[in-house]
Protein backbone atom coordinates (compact mmCIF):
# COMPACT_ATOMS: atom_id res chain seq x y z
CA UNK A 1 380.60 -125.48 173.06
CA UNK A 2 380.59 -127.82 170.08
CA UNK A 3 379.77 -127.25 166.44
CA UNK A 4 378.93 -129.53 163.53
CA UNK A 5 379.80 -128.72 159.95
CA UNK A 6 379.31 -132.07 158.24
CA UNK A 7 375.90 -132.41 156.54
CA UNK A 8 373.79 -135.25 157.87
CA UNK A 9 373.10 -138.13 155.49
CA UNK A 10 369.56 -139.22 154.76
CA UNK A 11 367.71 -140.75 157.68
CA UNK A 12 364.82 -141.98 155.52
CA UNK A 13 365.00 -145.21 153.55
CA UNK A 14 363.75 -145.56 149.97
CA UNK A 15 360.41 -147.14 150.87
CA UNK A 16 359.49 -144.49 153.43
CA UNK A 17 360.63 -141.72 151.11
CA UNK A 18 358.42 -143.07 148.32
CA UNK A 19 355.46 -142.66 150.69
CA UNK A 20 356.52 -139.11 151.58
CA UNK A 21 356.87 -138.22 147.91
CA UNK A 22 353.49 -139.71 147.02
CA UNK A 23 351.75 -137.85 149.85
CA UNK A 24 353.40 -134.60 148.80
CA UNK A 25 352.39 -135.10 145.17
CA UNK A 26 348.80 -135.75 146.20
CA UNK A 27 348.78 -132.71 148.51
CA UNK A 28 350.16 -130.41 145.82
CA UNK A 29 347.96 -131.56 142.98
CA UNK A 30 344.69 -132.17 144.81
CA UNK A 31 344.77 -129.58 147.61
CA UNK A 32 346.93 -126.69 146.37
CA UNK A 33 346.61 -126.60 142.58
CA UNK A 34 342.81 -126.06 142.72
CA UNK A 35 343.38 -123.02 144.99
CA UNK A 36 346.12 -121.27 143.04
CA UNK A 37 343.78 -118.49 141.98
CA UNK A 38 342.76 -117.92 145.61
CA UNK A 39 346.42 -117.73 146.63
CA UNK A 40 347.13 -115.22 143.88
CA UNK A 41 344.16 -112.99 144.57
CA UNK A 42 344.62 -112.95 148.35
CA UNK A 43 348.44 -112.79 148.17
CA UNK A 44 348.53 -115.36 150.97
CA UNK A 45 348.64 -119.08 151.63
CA UNK A 46 345.31 -120.16 153.20
CA UNK A 47 345.67 -121.11 156.85
CA UNK A 48 344.33 -124.64 156.32
CA UNK A 49 347.01 -125.30 153.69
CA UNK A 50 349.67 -123.92 156.03
CA UNK A 51 348.45 -126.20 158.82
CA UNK A 52 348.36 -129.21 156.49
CA UNK A 53 351.97 -128.53 155.49
CA UNK A 54 352.93 -128.44 159.17
CA UNK A 55 351.11 -131.69 159.85
CA UNK A 56 352.93 -133.37 156.95
CA UNK A 57 356.32 -132.29 158.30
CA UNK A 58 357.09 -130.03 155.36
CA UNK A 59 358.48 -127.27 157.57
CA UNK A 60 361.27 -129.63 158.59
CA UNK A 61 361.77 -132.17 155.81
CA UNK A 62 365.52 -131.35 155.52
CA UNK A 63 366.09 -131.02 159.29
CA UNK A 64 367.67 -134.11 160.94
CA UNK A 65 365.29 -136.41 162.79
CA UNK A 66 367.12 -135.85 166.09
CA UNK A 67 365.85 -132.26 165.92
CA UNK A 68 362.29 -133.15 164.94
CA UNK A 69 362.60 -133.12 161.14
CA UNK A 70 362.18 -135.81 158.50
CA UNK A 71 365.92 -136.02 157.82
CA UNK A 72 365.92 -136.00 154.02
CA UNK A 73 369.25 -135.58 152.26
CA UNK A 74 369.67 -133.43 149.17
CA UNK A 75 369.01 -136.26 146.69
CA UNK A 76 365.59 -136.66 148.32
CA UNK A 77 365.11 -132.93 148.84
CA UNK A 78 365.28 -132.30 145.08
CA UNK A 79 362.68 -134.96 144.33
CA UNK A 80 360.36 -133.26 146.80
CA UNK A 81 361.18 -129.85 145.31
CA UNK A 82 360.23 -131.03 141.83
CA UNK A 83 356.79 -131.88 143.20
CA UNK A 84 356.48 -128.60 145.11
CA UNK A 85 357.40 -126.63 142.01
CA UNK A 86 354.30 -127.92 140.24
CA UNK A 87 352.09 -125.34 141.92
CA UNK A 88 352.31 -121.74 143.15
CA UNK A 89 355.88 -121.13 144.27
CA UNK A 90 354.51 -119.40 147.37
CA UNK A 91 353.77 -122.83 148.83
CA UNK A 92 357.42 -123.86 148.84
CA UNK A 93 358.50 -120.39 149.95
CA UNK A 94 356.36 -120.74 153.08
CA UNK A 95 358.68 -123.39 154.52
CA UNK A 96 361.65 -123.17 152.16
CA UNK A 97 363.90 -121.06 154.38
CA UNK A 98 363.21 -123.30 157.40
CA UNK A 99 364.58 -126.29 155.49
CA UNK A 100 367.06 -124.47 153.31
CA UNK A 101 369.25 -121.41 153.56
CA UNK A 102 368.22 -120.45 157.12
CA UNK A 103 367.77 -123.87 158.69
CA UNK A 104 370.92 -125.31 157.13
CA UNK A 105 373.04 -122.61 158.79
CA UNK A 106 372.01 -124.05 162.14
CA UNK A 107 372.23 -127.68 161.02
CA UNK A 108 375.73 -127.25 159.62
CA UNK A 109 377.29 -124.61 161.84
CA UNK A 110 375.25 -124.10 165.02
CA UNK A 111 376.35 -125.12 168.47
CA UNK A 112 374.53 -127.95 170.23
CA UNK A 113 372.88 -125.36 172.46
CA UNK A 114 371.67 -123.33 169.48
CA UNK A 115 370.31 -126.44 167.77
CA UNK A 116 368.50 -127.52 170.93
CA UNK A 117 366.90 -124.10 171.33
CA UNK A 118 365.72 -123.58 167.75
CA UNK A 119 365.73 -126.58 165.42
CA UNK A 120 362.74 -128.50 166.79
CA UNK A 121 360.62 -125.34 166.64
CA UNK A 122 361.82 -124.67 163.08
CA UNK A 123 361.08 -128.25 162.01
CA UNK A 124 357.54 -128.15 163.43
CA UNK A 125 356.73 -124.78 161.89
CA UNK A 126 356.28 -123.18 165.30
CA UNK A 127 359.12 -120.86 164.29
CA UNK A 128 359.52 -119.38 160.82
CA UNK A 129 363.20 -118.68 160.15
CA UNK A 130 364.35 -115.99 157.74
CA UNK A 131 367.76 -115.71 156.03
CA UNK A 132 368.91 -112.09 156.27
CA UNK A 133 371.88 -111.72 153.92
CA UNK A 134 370.97 -109.46 150.97
CA UNK A 135 371.46 -105.72 151.43
CA UNK A 136 371.14 -102.60 149.31
CA UNK A 137 374.36 -102.75 147.32
CA UNK A 138 375.22 -106.31 148.36
CA UNK A 139 373.41 -109.32 146.92
CA UNK A 140 374.17 -112.99 147.48
CA UNK A 141 377.90 -112.37 147.97
CA UNK A 142 378.46 -111.63 151.67
CA UNK A 143 381.85 -110.07 150.95
CA UNK A 144 380.04 -106.78 150.29
CA UNK A 145 378.17 -106.64 153.59
CA UNK A 146 377.75 -103.29 155.32
CA UNK A 147 375.66 -104.42 158.28
CA UNK A 148 377.93 -104.28 161.31
CA UNK A 149 378.08 -106.13 164.60
CA UNK A 150 380.12 -104.52 167.36
CA UNK A 151 381.07 -106.28 170.56
CA UNK A 152 379.95 -104.55 173.76
CA UNK A 153 381.02 -106.56 176.77
CA UNK A 154 379.39 -109.98 176.43
CA UNK A 155 376.87 -108.65 173.92
CA UNK A 156 376.85 -107.81 170.23
CA UNK A 157 375.18 -104.70 168.82
CA UNK A 158 373.94 -105.03 165.22
CA UNK A 159 373.24 -102.05 162.94
CA UNK A 160 372.31 -102.17 159.27
CA UNK A 161 369.63 -102.87 156.69
CA UNK A 162 368.63 -106.00 154.77
CA UNK A 163 366.54 -106.10 151.60
CA UNK A 164 364.20 -108.55 149.83
CA UNK A 165 364.18 -110.89 152.85
CA UNK A 166 361.87 -113.85 152.26
CA UNK A 167 359.26 -114.46 154.97
CA UNK A 168 360.40 -111.40 156.91
CA UNK A 169 356.81 -110.23 157.65
CA UNK A 170 356.08 -113.67 159.14
CA UNK A 171 359.46 -114.51 160.67
CA UNK A 172 360.01 -115.42 164.30
CA UNK A 173 363.78 -115.75 163.91
CA UNK A 174 366.24 -113.93 161.67
CA UNK A 175 369.54 -115.54 160.69
CA UNK A 176 371.52 -112.32 160.28
CA UNK A 177 374.87 -111.89 158.57
CA UNK A 178 377.02 -108.98 159.73
CA UNK A 179 380.61 -107.79 159.53
CA UNK A 180 382.51 -107.70 162.82
CA UNK A 181 385.77 -106.41 161.34
CA UNK A 182 387.54 -105.97 158.03
CA UNK A 183 388.78 -109.16 156.39
CA UNK A 184 392.31 -110.05 157.47
CA UNK A 185 394.74 -112.96 157.56
CA UNK A 186 392.64 -114.57 160.30
CA UNK A 187 389.39 -114.71 158.34
CA UNK A 188 386.63 -112.81 156.59
CA UNK A 189 385.29 -111.03 159.65
CA UNK A 190 381.74 -112.02 158.69
CA UNK A 191 379.64 -113.51 161.47
CA UNK A 192 376.08 -114.80 161.60
CA UNK A 193 373.68 -114.19 164.47
CA UNK A 194 370.34 -115.63 165.59
CA UNK A 195 368.05 -112.68 166.26
CA UNK A 196 364.45 -113.21 167.45
CA UNK A 197 361.96 -111.01 165.60
CA UNK A 198 360.81 -109.30 168.80
CA UNK A 199 364.30 -108.06 169.72
CA UNK A 200 364.22 -104.29 170.41
CA UNK A 201 365.59 -102.25 167.51
CA UNK A 202 364.58 -104.79 164.85
CA UNK A 203 361.85 -103.53 162.54
CA UNK A 204 360.34 -105.12 159.45
CA UNK A 205 359.38 -102.90 156.53
CA UNK A 206 356.20 -102.98 154.50
CA UNK A 207 355.56 -106.05 152.40
CA UNK A 208 357.15 -105.76 148.94
CA UNK A 209 354.95 -105.53 145.85
CA UNK A 210 356.42 -107.98 143.36
CA UNK A 211 355.88 -108.98 139.74
CA UNK A 212 354.82 -112.48 140.72
CA UNK A 213 354.98 -115.16 143.40
CA UNK A 214 351.95 -113.78 145.20
CA UNK A 215 351.69 -115.27 148.67
CA UNK A 216 355.48 -115.38 149.09
CA UNK A 217 356.16 -112.35 151.24
CA UNK A 218 359.39 -110.35 151.30
CA UNK A 219 360.36 -107.05 152.88
CA UNK A 220 363.24 -104.94 154.17
CA UNK A 221 364.52 -105.52 157.69
CA UNK A 222 366.19 -102.77 159.72
CA UNK A 223 368.59 -103.22 162.63
CA UNK A 224 369.00 -100.13 164.80
CA UNK A 225 371.52 -101.03 167.53
CA UNK A 226 369.94 -104.44 168.03
CA UNK A 227 371.53 -106.03 171.08
CA UNK A 228 371.98 -109.80 171.41
CA UNK A 229 374.09 -111.79 173.84
CA UNK A 230 377.02 -114.05 172.96
CA UNK A 231 374.78 -117.11 172.65
CA UNK A 232 373.36 -115.60 169.44
CA UNK A 233 376.69 -115.91 167.60
CA UNK A 234 376.35 -118.99 165.39
CA UNK A 235 379.11 -121.50 166.06
CA UNK A 236 380.58 -119.18 168.67
CA UNK A 237 382.94 -117.78 166.04
CA UNK A 238 383.18 -114.42 164.28
CA UNK A 239 384.34 -116.11 161.07
CA UNK A 240 381.60 -118.71 160.60
CA UNK A 241 379.35 -116.37 158.62
CA UNK A 242 381.02 -116.44 155.23
CA UNK A 243 381.38 -120.23 155.13
CA UNK A 244 377.83 -120.72 156.41
CA UNK A 245 376.42 -118.39 153.78
CA UNK A 246 378.35 -119.99 150.93
CA UNK A 247 377.46 -123.53 151.99
CA UNK A 248 373.78 -122.74 152.48
CA UNK A 249 373.54 -120.85 149.19
CA UNK A 250 375.30 -123.58 147.21
CA UNK A 251 372.99 -126.24 148.60
CA UNK A 252 370.02 -123.96 148.03
CA UNK A 253 370.96 -123.50 144.38
CA UNK A 254 370.48 -127.21 143.74
CA UNK A 255 367.09 -126.99 145.43
CA UNK A 256 366.05 -123.95 143.35
CA UNK A 257 367.07 -125.82 140.21
CA UNK A 258 364.81 -128.71 141.20
CA UNK A 259 361.97 -126.30 141.91
CA UNK A 260 362.48 -124.89 138.40
CA UNK A 261 362.17 -128.36 136.89
CA UNK A 262 358.87 -128.90 138.70
CA UNK A 263 357.49 -125.60 137.41
CA UNK A 264 358.72 -126.35 133.90
CA UNK A 265 356.92 -129.70 134.04
CA UNK A 266 353.71 -127.93 134.99
CA UNK A 267 354.11 -125.45 132.11
CA UNK A 268 354.75 -128.34 129.74
CA UNK A 269 351.69 -130.26 130.96
CA UNK A 270 349.50 -127.18 130.56
CA UNK A 271 350.90 -126.66 127.06
CA UNK A 272 350.30 -130.24 125.94
CA UNK A 273 346.75 -130.26 127.32
CA UNK A 274 345.95 -126.98 125.57
CA UNK A 275 347.54 -128.05 122.28
CA UNK A 276 345.59 -131.29 122.29
CA UNK A 277 342.20 -129.61 122.73
CA UNK A 278 342.31 -126.02 121.42
CA UNK A 279 341.45 -125.78 117.75
CA UNK A 280 342.29 -123.44 114.89
CA UNK A 281 340.09 -123.79 111.85
CA UNK A 282 338.67 -126.98 113.30
CA UNK A 283 342.08 -128.61 113.74
CA UNK A 284 343.72 -129.14 117.17
CA UNK A 285 346.74 -126.83 117.26
CA UNK A 286 348.85 -129.70 118.54
CA UNK A 287 348.72 -131.18 115.07
CA UNK A 288 350.58 -128.19 113.67
CA UNK A 289 354.29 -128.90 113.29
CA UNK A 290 355.44 -125.54 114.66
CA UNK A 291 353.46 -126.14 117.85
CA UNK A 292 354.90 -129.65 118.09
CA UNK A 293 358.39 -128.14 117.77
CA UNK A 294 357.70 -125.85 120.74
CA UNK A 295 356.44 -128.79 122.79
CA UNK A 296 359.56 -130.74 121.85
CA UNK A 297 361.80 -127.92 123.05
CA UNK A 298 359.89 -127.79 126.34
CA UNK A 299 360.13 -131.54 126.87
CA UNK A 300 363.84 -131.58 126.08
CA UNK A 301 364.52 -128.80 128.57
CA UNK A 302 362.56 -130.53 131.33
CA UNK A 303 364.32 -133.85 130.81
CA UNK A 304 367.77 -132.26 130.71
CA UNK A 305 367.04 -130.23 133.83
CA UNK A 306 365.77 -133.23 135.76
CA UNK A 307 368.90 -135.22 134.93
CA UNK A 308 371.19 -132.34 135.89
CA UNK A 309 369.38 -131.81 139.19
CA UNK A 310 369.70 -135.44 140.22
CA UNK A 311 373.37 -135.52 139.22
CA UNK A 312 374.19 -132.31 141.10
CA UNK A 313 372.36 -133.51 144.22
CA UNK A 314 374.34 -136.77 144.21
CA UNK A 315 377.58 -134.80 143.80
CA UNK A 316 376.64 -132.67 146.80
CA UNK A 317 375.79 -135.62 149.03
CA UNK A 318 378.94 -137.60 148.17
CA UNK A 319 380.99 -134.37 148.36
CA UNK A 320 382.54 -134.74 144.90
CA UNK A 321 381.36 -131.31 143.71
CA UNK A 322 379.95 -128.58 145.92
CA UNK A 323 381.21 -125.64 143.88
CA UNK A 324 380.69 -125.95 140.13
CA UNK A 325 377.70 -128.30 140.00
CA UNK A 326 375.35 -126.20 142.21
CA UNK A 327 375.98 -123.10 140.11
CA UNK A 328 375.79 -124.97 136.81
CA UNK A 329 372.49 -126.63 137.63
CA UNK A 330 370.92 -123.42 138.92
CA UNK A 331 372.08 -121.54 135.83
CA UNK A 332 370.73 -124.13 133.42
CA UNK A 333 367.44 -124.92 135.14
CA UNK A 334 366.38 -121.37 135.97
CA UNK A 335 367.15 -120.23 132.43
CA UNK A 336 365.41 -123.33 131.07
CA UNK A 337 362.18 -122.76 132.99
CA UNK A 338 362.06 -119.19 131.71
CA UNK A 339 362.20 -120.47 128.13
CA UNK A 340 359.64 -123.20 128.82
CA UNK A 341 357.26 -120.69 130.41
CA UNK A 342 357.67 -118.33 127.46
CA UNK A 343 356.87 -121.12 125.02
CA UNK A 344 353.84 -122.06 127.14
CA UNK A 345 352.42 -118.56 126.75
CA UNK A 346 353.15 -118.69 123.02
CA UNK A 347 351.37 -122.00 122.60
CA UNK A 348 348.34 -120.66 124.46
CA UNK A 349 348.28 -117.56 122.28
CA UNK A 350 346.12 -114.73 123.60
CA UNK A 351 344.72 -116.98 126.30
CA UNK A 352 348.21 -117.33 127.76
CA UNK A 353 348.31 -113.59 128.45
CA UNK A 354 345.16 -113.64 130.55
CA UNK A 355 345.14 -113.62 134.34
CA UNK A 356 343.74 -116.77 135.96
CA UNK A 357 345.39 -118.92 133.28
CA UNK A 358 348.11 -121.03 134.88
CA UNK A 359 350.83 -120.30 132.32
CA UNK A 360 350.40 -116.54 132.78
CA UNK A 361 351.12 -116.90 136.51
CA UNK A 362 354.01 -119.27 135.83
CA UNK A 363 355.54 -116.80 133.36
CA UNK A 364 355.65 -114.13 136.08
CA UNK A 365 356.62 -116.44 138.93
CA UNK A 366 359.69 -117.98 137.32
CA UNK A 367 361.36 -114.69 136.41
CA UNK A 368 362.59 -114.38 139.99
CA UNK A 369 364.37 -117.73 139.89
CA UNK A 370 367.17 -116.26 137.75
CA UNK A 371 367.76 -113.54 140.35
CA UNK A 372 367.71 -114.85 143.89
CA UNK A 373 370.39 -116.98 145.56
CA UNK A 374 372.82 -115.63 142.98
CA UNK A 375 371.91 -114.28 139.54
CA UNK A 376 372.66 -116.19 136.35
CA UNK A 377 375.60 -113.85 135.78
CA UNK A 378 377.06 -114.67 139.21
CA UNK A 379 376.66 -118.40 138.51
CA UNK A 380 378.65 -118.00 135.30
CA UNK A 381 381.45 -116.29 137.21
CA UNK A 382 381.48 -119.05 139.84
CA UNK A 383 381.57 -121.80 137.21
CA UNK A 384 384.21 -120.20 135.04
CA UNK A 385 386.40 -119.08 137.93
CA UNK A 386 386.39 -122.49 139.56
CA UNK A 387 387.17 -124.25 136.28
CA UNK A 388 390.25 -122.06 135.88
CA UNK A 389 391.31 -122.60 139.50
CA UNK A 390 390.89 -126.36 139.10
CA UNK A 391 393.11 -126.34 136.03
CA UNK A 392 395.75 -124.22 137.78
CA UNK A 393 395.85 -126.55 140.78
CA UNK A 394 396.37 -129.60 138.59
């Protein structure tokens, strides 16, 4: 049994990636943007859009090519995410866990056998993978987990409850974090298991009703003495779970920051277009200095966020900063997009408060970005704590 914990470098050269990025941009802006209202009203991604995403390889863009993916590294991932963020965030959510927090657990920590069984199906979109970490009373910090896994012969029996699990109603595979013992000198006692959705004892709750992000489905997941064999234990180790969760979440935070920049760019573009054409007393409102000041603040935020995202992604890939930078960029960019969206509604005036206006949807959608994969408050603790530890070590 062998495991791999070193992230795979990009397997796509600059010329090929430019083509991928251009195709994604065209897909988002010409195929998805015109159907945002349909996605919102139906609370679902249309099947033809889902199939097109599969055909383009979007379910596996961050999965290595040897397992059927495109093999993008994080510097390329964030460029793609900035394009995907330009439209309804439900689009990215549809395949985000396959490429991100769920898929990367297998890429970085799975055994060869586990990768061979699951990764090609994840990359093709045949399997939707779901990251089951958050619980009632325990958010993105796995140290507070209550879900338990108990060994029974060669099997493991999992009991517990997960909450707000993205893609749970659609998932074929759950990447489940559970405590096997109390933390001790040998490790955290947190393991991660691969649990097919049809395993007896696993039930998915009703679809959550959320403020925004219609079409991105979440729900509770219950484990009532769910039995899996030893091959379901990721990496073959009881102590892989904590490291796998932290690594996947840190990488995912850079991705979420990039997604935020893409959404902020869309809010800015909508604001500029409205300011240039809407009139007050016969004068385009964009000629008013206070409106120009709001546009300037939006533009500054977008530019700063884009630069931070690219810098943090490079630091991740070259392994110079995988602790502070991911939290700093998520903190800044998710807070920034909230401010940009708020200004977009303000610039639109009463129109910005109306359903079916893009900035109204954006305003609701982006509020979640400050909450999942670690709240802004948690990011501040990670940043500050690591700065102090760095100083103490030196």
